[in-house]
Amino acid sequence: FQPVSTATVTEPVQLGGLAVTEDHYLVVGVVQPAGLFIF
């Protein structure tokens, strides 16, 4: 399964803040664009 259209990020992504949760996820803060990466 795949999305109908794929958007690629062209602007640089700045990371800031990182934590590992009790259920073994790595959560990384994204400064720009604002949000999270969850591994």
PDB file of all heavy atoms in Angstrom:
ATOM      1  N   PHE A   1       0.855  -1.177   0.000  1.00  0.00           N
ATOM      2  CA  PHE A   1       0.000   0.000   0.000  1.00  0.00           C
ATOM      3  C   PHE A   1       0.889   1.225   0.000  1.00  0.00           C
ATOM      4  O   PHE A   1       1.934   1.251   0.652  1.00  0.00           O
ATOM      5  CB  PHE A   1      -0.906   0.015   1.246  1.00  0.00           C
ATOM      6  CG  PHE A   1      -2.009  -0.989   1.175  1.00  0.00           C
ATOM      7  CD1 PHE A   1      -1.929  -2.183   1.880  1.00  0.00           C
ATOM      8  CD2 PHE A   1      -3.140  -0.744   0.403  1.00  0.00           C
ATOM      9  CE1 PHE A   1      -2.944  -3.108   1.815  1.00  0.00           C
ATOM     10  CE2 PHE A   1      -4.163  -1.671   0.342  1.00  0.00           C
ATOM     11  CZ  PHE A   1      -4.065  -2.858   1.045  1.00  0.00           C
ATOM     12  N   GLN A   2       0.472   2.246  -0.716  1.00  0.00           N
ATOM     13  CA  GLN A   2       1.271   3.460  -0.795  1.00  0.00           C
ATOM     14  C   GLN A   2       0.361   4.646  -1.038  1.00  0.00           C
ATOM     15  O   GLN A   2      -0.749   4.491  -1.543  1.00  0.00           O
ATOM     16  CB  GLN A   2       2.307   3.338  -1.913  1.00  0.00           C
ATOM     17  CG  GLN A   2       1.718   2.990  -3.264  1.00  0.00           C
ATOM     18  CD  GLN A   2       2.805   2.677  -4.267  1.00  0.00           C
ATOM     19  OE1 GLN A   2       3.910   3.144  -4.137  1.00  0.00           O
ATOM     20  NE2 GLN A   2       2.495   1.890  -5.268  1.00  0.00           N
ATOM     21  N   PRO A   3       0.812   5.851  -0.647  1.00  0.00           N
ATOM     22  CA  PRO A   3      -0.027   7.028  -0.888  1.00  0.00           C
ATOM     23  C   PRO A   3      -0.163   7.314  -2.378  1.00  0.00           C
ATOM     24  O   PRO A   3       0.699   6.928  -3.179  1.00  0.00           O
ATOM     25  CB  PRO A   3       0.717   8.158  -0.173  1.00  0.00           C
ATOM     26  CG  PRO A   3       2.097   7.659   0.012  1.00  0.00           C
ATOM     27  CD  PRO A   3       2.038   6.173   0.040  1.00  0.00           C
ATOM     28  N   VAL A   4      -1.254   7.964  -2.735  1.00  0.00           N
ATOM     29  CA  VAL A   4      -1.494   8.298  -4.133  1.00  0.00           C
ATOM     30  C   VAL A   4      -0.434   9.268  -4.629  1.00  0.00           C
ATOM     31  O   VAL A   4       0.089   9.133  -5.729  1.00  0.00           O
ATOM     32  CB  VAL A   4      -2.913   8.903  -4.307  1.00  0.00           C
ATOM     33  CG1 VAL A   4      -3.142   9.345  -5.744  1.00  0.00           C
ATOM     34  CG2 VAL A   4      -3.960   7.905  -3.876  1.00  0.00           C
ATOM     35  N   SER A   5      -0.111  10.277  -3.808  1.00  0.00           N
ATOM     36  CA  SER A   5       0.940  11.214  -4.188  1.00  0.00           C
ATOM     37  C   SER A   5       1.933  11.315  -3.034  1.00  0.00           C
ATOM     38  O   SER A   5       1.538  11.311  -1.868  1.00  0.00           O
ATOM     39  CB  SER A   5       0.365  12.592  -4.501  1.00  0.00           C
ATOM     40  OG  SER A   5      -0.237  13.134  -3.335  1.00  0.00           O
ATOM     41  N   THR A   6       3.185  11.361  -3.365  1.00  0.00           N
ATOM     42  CA  THR A   6       4.222  11.473  -2.338  1.00  0.00           C
ATOM     43  C   THR A   6       4.790  12.878  -2.374  1.00  0.00           C
ATOM     44  O   THR A   6       5.145  13.389  -3.433  1.00  0.00           O
ATOM     45  CB  THR A   6       5.354  10.453  -2.577  1.00  0.00           C
ATOM     46  OG1 THR A   6       5.893  10.685  -3.863  1.00  0.00           O
ATOM     47  CG2 THR A   6       4.845   9.048  -2.452  1.00  0.00           C
ATOM     48  N   ALA A   7       4.839  13.508  -1.205  1.00  0.00           N
ATOM     49  CA  ALA A   7       5.419  14.847  -1.092  1.00  0.00           C
ATOM     50  C   ALA A   7       6.811  14.708  -0.505  1.00  0.00           C
ATOM     51  O   ALA A   7       7.007  14.010   0.488  1.00  0.00           O
ATOM     52  CB  ALA A   7       4.560  15.719  -0.184  1.00  0.00           C
ATOM     53  N   THR A   8       7.760  15.326  -1.132  1.00  0.00           N
ATOM     54  CA  THR A   8       9.128  15.289  -0.623  1.00  0.00           C
ATOM     55  C   THR A   8       9.437  16.606   0.071  1.00  0.00           C
ATOM     56  O   THR A   8       8.982  17.665  -0.338  1.00  0.00           O
ATOM     57  CB  THR A   8      10.142  15.062  -1.759  1.00  0.00           C
ATOM     58  OG1 THR A   8       9.991  16.120  -2.705  1.00  0.00           O
ATOM     59  CG2 THR A   8       9.908  13.728  -2.424  1.00  0.00           C
ATOM     60  N   VAL A   9      10.198  16.519   1.135  1.00  0.00           N
ATOM     61  CA  VAL A   9      10.579  17.703   1.896  1.00  0.00           C
ATOM     62  C   VAL A   9      11.797  18.322   1.237  1.00  0.00           C
ATOM     63  O   VAL A   9      12.803  17.654   1.026  1.00  0.00           O
ATOM     64  CB  VAL A   9      10.895  17.323   3.356  1.00  0.00           C
ATOM     65  CG1 VAL A   9      11.333  18.537   4.139  1.00  0.00           C
ATOM     66  CG2 VAL A   9       9.694  16.661   3.988  1.00  0.00           C
ATOM     67  N   THR A  10      11.700  19.607   0.902  1.00  0.00           N
ATOM     68  CA  THR A  10      12.835  20.275   0.275  1.00  0.00           C
ATOM     69  C   THR A  10      13.513  21.242   1.236  1.00  0.00           C
ATOM     70  O   THR A  10      14.665  21.567   1.057  1.00  0.00           O
ATOM     71  CB  THR A  10      12.376  21.055  -0.972  1.00  0.00           C
ATOM     72  OG1 THR A  10      11.347  21.962  -0.583  1.00  0.00           O
ATOM     73  CG2 THR A  10      11.859  20.102  -2.025  1.00  0.00           C
ATOM     74  N   GLU A  11      12.778  21.718   2.266  1.00  0.00           N
ATOM     75  CA  GLU A  11      13.391  22.637   3.214  1.00  0.00           C
ATOM     76  C   GLU A  11      14.166  21.858   4.264  1.00  0.00           C
ATOM     77  O   GLU A  11      13.835  20.703   4.573  1.00  0.00           O
ATOM     78  CB  GLU A  11      12.323  23.511   3.867  1.00  0.00           C
ATOM     79  CG  GLU A  11      11.288  22.728   4.647  1.00  0.00           C
ATOM     80  CD  GLU A  11      10.149  23.594   5.141  1.00  0.00           C
ATOM     81  OE1 GLU A  11       9.700  24.464   4.387  1.00  0.00           O
ATOM     82  OE2 GLU A  11       9.719  23.383   6.277  1.00  0.00           O
ATOM     83  N   PRO A  12      15.215  22.463   4.855  1.00  0.00           N
ATOM     84  CA  PRO A  12      15.982  21.742   5.867  1.00  0.00           C
ATOM     85  C   PRO A  12      15.156  21.525   7.135  1.00  0.00           C
ATOM     86  O   PRO A  12      14.353  22.384   7.505  1.00  0.00           O
ATOM     87  CB  PRO A  12      17.170  22.665   6.136  1.00  0.00           C
ATOM     88  CG  PRO A  12      16.724  24.010   5.686  1.00  0.00           C
ATOM     89  CD  PRO A  12      15.743  23.783   4.583  1.00  0.00           C
ATOM     90  N   VAL A  13      15.323  20.379   7.726  1.00  0.00           N
ATOM     91  CA  VAL A  13      14.596  20.040   8.944  1.00  0.00           C
ATOM     92  C   VAL A  13      15.545  20.202  10.126  1.00  0.00           C
ATOM     93  O   VAL A  13      16.648  19.648  10.126  1.00  0.00           O
ATOM     94  CB  VAL A  13      14.064  18.591   8.876  1.00  0.00           C
ATOM     95  CG1 VAL A  13      13.407  18.204  10.175  1.00  0.00           C
ATOM     96  CG2 VAL A  13      13.091  18.458   7.721  1.00  0.00           C
ATOM     97  N   GLN A  14      15.124  20.972  11.132  1.00  0.00           N
ATOM     98  CA  GLN A  14      15.942  21.216  12.310  1.00  0.00           C
ATOM     99  C   GLN A  14      15.372  20.426  13.481  1.00  0.00           C
ATOM    100  O   GLN A  14      14.199  20.564  13.808  1.00  0.00           O
ATOM    101  CB  GLN A  14      15.968  22.713  12.632  1.00  0.00           C
ATOM    102  CG  GLN A  14      16.819  23.058  13.824  1.00  0.00           C
ATOM    103  CD  GLN A  14      16.730  24.531  14.182  1.00  0.00           C
ATOM    104  OE1 GLN A  14      16.057  25.300  13.512  1.00  0.00           O
ATOM    105  NE2 GLN A  14      17.404  24.917  15.242  1.00  0.00           N
ATOM    106  N   LEU A  15      16.225  19.602  14.111  1.00  0.00           N
ATOM    107  CA  LEU A  15      15.801  18.775  15.236  1.00  0.00           C
ATOM    108  C   LEU A  15      16.138  19.475  16.544  1.00  0.00           C
ATOM    109  O   LEU A  15      17.127  20.193  16.645  1.00  0.00           O
ATOM    110  CB  LEU A  15      16.501  17.414  15.188  1.00  0.00           C
ATOM    111  CG  LEU A  15      16.332  16.611  13.899  1.00  0.00           C
ATOM    112  CD1 LEU A  15      17.157  15.331  13.969  1.00  0.00           C
ATOM    113  CD2 LEU A  15      14.872  16.290  13.655  1.00  0.00           C
ATOM    114  N   GLY A  16      15.332  19.234  17.561  1.00  0.00           N
ATOM    115  CA  GLY A  16      15.591  19.801  18.881  1.00  0.00           C
ATOM    116  C   GLY A  16      14.774  19.092  19.935  1.00  0.00           C
ATOM    117  O   GLY A  16      13.558  19.148  19.909  1.00  0.00           O
ATOM    118  N   GLY A  17      15.435  18.386  20.832  1.00  0.00           N
ATOM    119  CA  GLY A  17      14.739  17.658  21.887  1.00  0.00           C
ATOM    120  C   GLY A  17      14.551  16.206  21.524  1.00  0.00           C
ATOM    121  O   GLY A  17      14.188  15.884  20.396  1.00  0.00           O
ATOM    122  N   LEU A  18      14.832  15.306  22.486  1.00  0.00           N
ATOM    123  CA  LEU A  18      14.794  13.876  22.190  1.00  0.00           C
ATOM    124  C   LEU A  18      14.493  13.130  23.481  1.00  0.00           C
ATOM    125  O   LEU A  18      14.975  13.517  24.554  1.00  0.00           O
ATOM    126  CB  LEU A  18      16.167  13.486  21.641  1.00  0.00           C
ATOM    127  CG  LEU A  18      16.456  12.050  21.281  1.00  0.00           C
ATOM    128  CD1 LEU A  18      17.345  12.027  20.056  1.00  0.00           C
ATOM    129  CD2 LEU A  18      17.157  11.342  22.412  1.00  0.00           C
ATOM    130  N   ALA A  19      13.688  12.079  23.391  1.00  0.00           N
ATOM    131  CA  ALA A  19      13.369  11.257  24.566  1.00  0.00           C
ATOM    132  C   ALA A  19      13.041   9.844  24.113  1.00  0.00           C
ATOM    133  O   ALA A  19      12.599   9.626  22.993  1.00  0.00           O
ATOM    134  CB  ALA A  19      12.193  11.842  25.332  1.00  0.00           C
ATOM    135  N   VAL A  20      13.272   8.881  25.012  1.00  0.00           N
ATOM    136  CA  VAL A  20      12.879   7.496  24.778  1.00  0.00           C
ATOM    137  C   VAL A  20      11.751   7.189  25.748  1.00  0.00           C
ATOM    138  O   VAL A  20      11.873   7.420  26.950  1.00  0.00           O
ATOM    139  CB  VAL A  20      14.063   6.524  24.997  1.00  0.00           C
ATOM    140  CG1 VAL A  20      13.596   5.079  24.856  1.00  0.00           C
ATOM    141  CG2 VAL A  20      15.181   6.812  24.011  1.00  0.00           C
ATOM    142  N   THR A  21      10.623   6.691  25.227  1.00  0.00           N
ATOM    143  CA  THR A  21       9.467   6.404  26.072  1.00  0.00           C
ATOM    144  C   THR A  21       9.606   5.035  26.728  1.00  0.00           C
ATOM    145  O   THR A  21      10.456   4.225  26.344  1.00  0.00           O
ATOM    146  CB  THR A  21       8.168   6.451  25.247  1.00  0.00           C
ATOM    147  OG1 THR A  21       8.193   5.378  24.301  1.00  0.00           O
ATOM    148  CG2 THR A  21       8.022   7.779  24.534  1.00  0.00           C
ATOM    149  N   GLU A  22       8.741   4.766  27.707  1.00  0.00           N
ATOM    150  CA  GLU A  22       8.774   3.482  28.409  1.00  0.00           C
ATOM    151  C   GLU A  22       8.441   2.319  27.488  1.00  0.00           C
ATOM    152  O   GLU A  22       8.902   1.205  27.701  1.00  0.00           O
ATOM    153  CB  GLU A  22       7.800   3.501  29.582  1.00  0.00           C
ATOM    154  CG  GLU A  22       8.260   4.355  30.739  1.00  0.00           C
ATOM    155  CD  GLU A  22       7.305   4.288  31.911  1.00  0.00           C
ATOM    156  OE1 GLU A  22       6.294   3.565  31.832  1.00  0.00           O
ATOM    157  OE2 GLU A  22       7.582   4.965  32.914  1.00  0.00           O
ATOM    158  N   ASP A  23       7.611   2.562  26.461  1.00  0.00           N
ATOM    159  CA  ASP A  23       7.255   1.486  25.544  1.00  0.00           C
ATOM    160  C   ASP A  23       8.172   1.450  24.325  1.00  0.00           C
ATOM    161  O   ASP A  23       7.788   0.954  23.261  1.00  0.00           O
ATOM    162  CB  ASP A  23       5.777   1.526  25.159  1.00  0.00           C
ATOM    163  CG  ASP A  23       5.279   2.927  24.871  1.00  0.00           C
ATOM    164  OD1 ASP A  23       6.062   3.883  25.013  1.00  0.00           O
ATOM    165  OD2 ASP A  23       4.108   3.069  24.510  1.00  0.00           O
ATOM    166  N   HIS A  24       9.388   1.976  24.469  1.00  0.00           N
ATOM    167  CA  HIS A  24      10.477   1.802  23.506  1.00  0.00           C
ATOM    168  C   HIS A  24      10.263   2.523  22.174  1.00  0.00           C
ATOM    169  O   HIS A  24      10.508   1.986  21.110  1.00  0.00           O
ATOM    170  CB  HIS A  24      10.745   0.306  23.269  1.00  0.00           C
ATOM    171  CG  HIS A  24      12.191  -0.013  23.073  1.00  0.00           C
ATOM    172  ND1 HIS A  24      13.178   0.377  23.939  1.00  0.00           N
ATOM    173  CD2 HIS A  24      12.825  -0.672  22.084  1.00  0.00           C
ATOM    174  CE1 HIS A  24      14.343  -0.042  23.510  1.00  0.00           C
ATOM    175  NE2 HIS A  24      14.172  -0.671  22.381  1.00  0.00           N
ATOM    176  N   TYR A  25       9.812   3.767  22.275  1.00  0.00           N
ATOM    177  CA  TYR A  25       9.746   4.649  21.116  1.00  0.00           C
ATOM    178  C   TYR A  25      10.746   5.781  21.326  1.00  0.00           C
ATOM    179  O   TYR A  25      10.897   6.275  22.447  1.00  0.00           O
ATOM    180  CB  TYR A  25       8.348   5.245  20.933  1.00  0.00           C
ATOM    181  CG  TYR A  25       7.344   4.264  20.402  1.00  0.00           C
ATOM    182  CD1 TYR A  25       6.557   3.509  21.259  1.00  0.00           C
ATOM    183  CD2 TYR A  25       7.183   4.091  19.034  1.00  0.00           C
ATOM    184  CE1 TYR A  25       5.635   2.602  20.769  1.00  0.00           C
ATOM    185  CE2 TYR A  25       6.257   3.180  18.531  1.00  0.00           C
ATOM    186  CZ  TYR A  25       5.493   2.441  19.402  1.00  0.00           C
ATOM    187  OH  TYR A  25       4.579   1.541  18.908  1.00  0.00           O
ATOM    188  N   LEU A  26      11.416   6.178  20.262  1.00  0.00           N
ATOM    189  CA  LEU A  26      12.305   7.331  20.289  1.00  0.00           C
ATOM    190  C   LEU A  26      11.521   8.497  19.695  1.00  0.00           C
ATOM    191  O   LEU A  26      11.105   8.450  18.537  1.00  0.00           O
ATOM    192  CB  LEU A  26      13.574   7.065  19.467  1.00  0.00           C
ATOM    193  CG  LEU A  26      14.537   8.235  19.298  1.00  0.00           C
ATOM    194  CD1 LEU A  26      15.146   8.641  20.629  1.00  0.00           C
ATOM    195  CD2 LEU A  26      15.644   7.865  18.320  1.00  0.00           C
ATOM    196  N   VAL A  27      11.285   9.534  20.502  1.00  0.00           N
ATOM    197  CA  VAL A  27      10.512  10.700  20.073  1.00  0.00           C
ATOM    198  C   VAL A  27      11.476  11.875  19.949  1.00  0.00           C
ATOM    199  O   VAL A  27      12.173  12.221  20.898  1.00  0.00           O
ATOM    200  CB  VAL A  27       9.391  11.030  21.079  1.00  0.00           C
ATOM    201  CG1 VAL A  27       8.587  12.223  20.609  1.00  0.00           C
ATOM    202  CG2 VAL A  27       8.489   9.821  21.281  1.00  0.00           C
ATOM    203  N   VAL A  28      11.510  12.476  18.750  1.00  0.00           N
ATOM    204  CA  VAL A  28      12.433  13.568  18.460  1.00  0.00           C
ATOM    205  C   VAL A  28      11.622  14.784  18.039  1.00  0.00           C
ATOM    206  O   VAL A  28      10.765  14.693  17.157  1.00  0.00           O
ATOM    207  CB  VAL A  28      13.423  13.171  17.335  1.00  0.00           C
ATOM    208  CG1 VAL A  28      14.403  14.295  17.071  1.00  0.00           C
ATOM    209  CG2 VAL A  28      14.151  11.888  17.695  1.00  0.00           C
ATOM    210  N   GLY A  29      11.895  15.906  18.681  1.00  0.00           N
ATOM    211  CA  GLY A  29      11.212  17.145  18.337  1.00  0.00           C
ATOM    212  C   GLY A  29      11.772  17.744  17.059  1.00  0.00           C
ATOM    213  O   GLY A  29      12.966  17.673  16.788  1.00  0.00           O
ATOM    214  N   VAL A  30      10.892  18.308  16.260  1.00  0.00           N
ATOM    215  CA  VAL A  30      11.282  18.988  15.027  1.00  0.00           C
ATOM    216  C   VAL A  30      10.945  20.463  15.205  1.00  0.00           C
ATOM    217  O   VAL A  30       9.797  20.815  15.464  1.00  0.00           O
ATOM    218  CB  VAL A  30      10.544  18.403  13.801  1.00  0.00           C
ATOM    219  CG1 VAL A  30      10.997  19.100  12.529  1.00  0.00           C
ATOM    220  CG2 VAL A  30      10.776  16.905  13.709  1.00  0.00           C
ATOM    221  N   VAL A  31      11.980  21.319  15.090  1.00  0.00           N
ATOM    222  CA  VAL A  31      11.776  22.750  15.282  1.00  0.00           C
ATOM    223  C   VAL A  31      11.119  23.361  14.059  1.00  0.00           C
ATOM    224  O   VAL A  31      10.152  24.110  14.154  1.00  0.00           O
ATOM    225  CB  VAL A  31      13.128  23.440  15.584  1.00  0.00           C
ATOM    226  CG1 VAL A  31      12.953  24.943  15.733  1.00  0.00           C
ATOM    227  CG2 VAL A  31      13.763  22.841  16.832  1.00  0.00           C
ATOM    228  N   GLN A  32      11.642  23.019  12.893  1.00  0.00           N
ATOM    229  CA  GLN A  32      11.112  23.578  11.646  1.00  0.00           C
ATOM    230  C   GLN A  32      11.114  22.496  10.575  1.00  0.00           C
ATOM    231  O   GLN A  32      12.192  21.994  10.265  1.00  0.00           O
ATOM    232  CB  GLN A  32      11.973  24.774  11.208  1.00  0.00           C
ATOM    233  CG  GLN A  32      11.456  25.530  10.009  1.00  0.00           C
ATOM    234  CD  GLN A  32      10.089  26.134  10.253  1.00  0.00           C
ATOM    235  OE1 GLN A  32       9.801  26.570  11.359  1.00  0.00           O
ATOM    236  NE2 GLN A  32       9.241  26.129   9.258  1.00  0.00           N
ATOM    237  N   PRO A  33       9.988  22.075  10.060  1.00  0.00           N
ATOM    238  CA  PRO A  33       8.613  22.405  10.425  1.00  0.00           C
ATOM    239  C   PRO A  33       8.235  21.778  11.767  1.00  0.00           C
ATOM    240  O   PRO A  33       8.668  20.661  12.061  1.00  0.00           O
ATOM    241  CB  PRO A  33       7.795  21.816   9.282  1.00  0.00           C
ATOM    242  CG  PRO A  33       8.621  20.697   8.758  1.00  0.00           C
ATOM    243  CD  PRO A  33      10.047  21.118   8.947  1.00  0.00           C
ATOM    244  N   ALA A  34       7.452  22.481  12.560  1.00  0.00           N
ATOM    245  CA  ALA A  34       7.156  22.072  13.933  1.00  0.00           C
ATOM    246  C   ALA A  34       6.409  20.748  13.973  1.00  0.00           C
ATOM    247  O   ALA A  34       5.434  20.549  13.261  1.00  0.00           O
ATOM    248  CB  ALA A  34       6.343  23.154  14.630  1.00  0.00           C
ATOM    249  N   GLY A  35       6.889  19.847  14.817  1.00  0.00           N
ATOM    250  CA  GLY A  35       6.241  18.547  14.958  1.00  0.00           C
ATOM    251  C   GLY A  35       7.138  17.553  15.659  1.00  0.00           C
ATOM    252  O   GLY A  35       8.036  17.923  16.422  1.00  0.00           O
ATOM    253  N   LEU A  36       6.903  16.280  15.370  1.00  0.00           N
ATOM    254  CA  LEU A  36       7.655  15.189  16.002  1.00  0.00           C
ATOM    255  C   LEU A  36       7.985  14.117  14.979  1.00  0.00           C
ATOM    256  O   LEU A  36       7.230  13.889  14.040  1.00  0.00           O
ATOM    257  CB  LEU A  36       6.825  14.532  17.120  1.00  0.00           C
ATOM    258  CG  LEU A  36       6.466  15.341  18.347  1.00  0.00           C
ATOM    259  CD1 LEU A  36       5.520  14.543  19.225  1.00  0.00           C
ATOM    260  CD2 LEU A  36       7.709  15.729  19.117  1.00  0.00           C
ATOM    261  N   PHE A  37       9.119  13.451  15.211  1.00  0.00           N
ATOM    262  CA  PHE A  37       9.413  12.180  14.559  1.00  0.00           C
ATOM    263  C   PHE A  37       9.314  11.121  15.635  1.00  0.00           C
ATOM    264  O   PHE A  37       9.868  11.274  16.725  1.00  0.00           O
ATOM    265  CB  PHE A  37      10.826  12.156  13.962  1.00  0.00           C
ATOM    266  CG  PHE A  37      10.983  12.954  12.706  1.00  0.00           C
ATOM    267  CD1 PHE A  37      11.976  13.917  12.593  1.00  0.00           C
ATOM    268  CD2 PHE A  37      10.149  12.741  11.622  1.00  0.00           C
ATOM    269  CE1 PHE A  37      12.123  14.645  11.430  1.00  0.00           C
ATOM    270  CE2 PHE A  37      10.290  13.466  10.456  1.00  0.00           C
ATOM    271  CZ  PHE A  37      11.280  14.422  10.354  1.00  0.00           C
ATOM    272  N   ILE A  38       8.633  10.018  15.324  1.00  0.00           N
ATOM    273  CA  ILE A  38       8.482   8.925  16.275  1.00  0.00           C
ATOM    274  C   ILE A  38       9.064   7.668  15.648  1.00  0.00           C
ATOM    275  O   ILE A  38       8.592   7.195  14.615  1.00  0.00           O
ATOM    276  CB  ILE A  38       7.007   8.710  16.654  1.00  0.00           C
ATOM    277  CG1 ILE A  38       6.435  10.004  17.237  1.00  0.00           C
ATOM    278  CG2 ILE A  38       6.867   7.575  17.644  1.00  0.00           C
ATOM    279  CD1 ILE A  38       4.956   9.970  17.482  1.00  0.00           C
ATOM    280  N   PHE A  39      10.102   7.138  16.286  1.00  0.00           N
ATOM    281  CA  PHE A  39      10.770   5.933  15.818  1.00  0.00           C
ATOM    282  C   PHE A  39      10.356   4.774  16.705  1.00  0.00           C
ATOM    283  O   PHE A  39      10.412   4.877  17.933  1.00  0.00           O
ATOM    284  CB  PHE A  39      12.297   6.082  15.901  1.00  0.00           C
ATOM    285  CG  PHE A  39      12.862   7.152  15.016  1.00  0.00           C
ATOM    286  CD1 PHE A  39      12.939   8.466  15.445  1.00  0.00           C
ATOM    287  CD2 PHE A  39      13.355   6.835  13.755  1.00  0.00           C
ATOM    288  CE1 PHE A  39      13.478   9.446  14.635  1.00  0.00           C
ATOM    289  CE2 PHE A  39      13.893   7.813  12.949  1.00  0.00           C
ATOM    290  CZ  PHE A  39      13.957   9.120  13.384  1.00  0.00           C
TER     291      PHE A  39
END
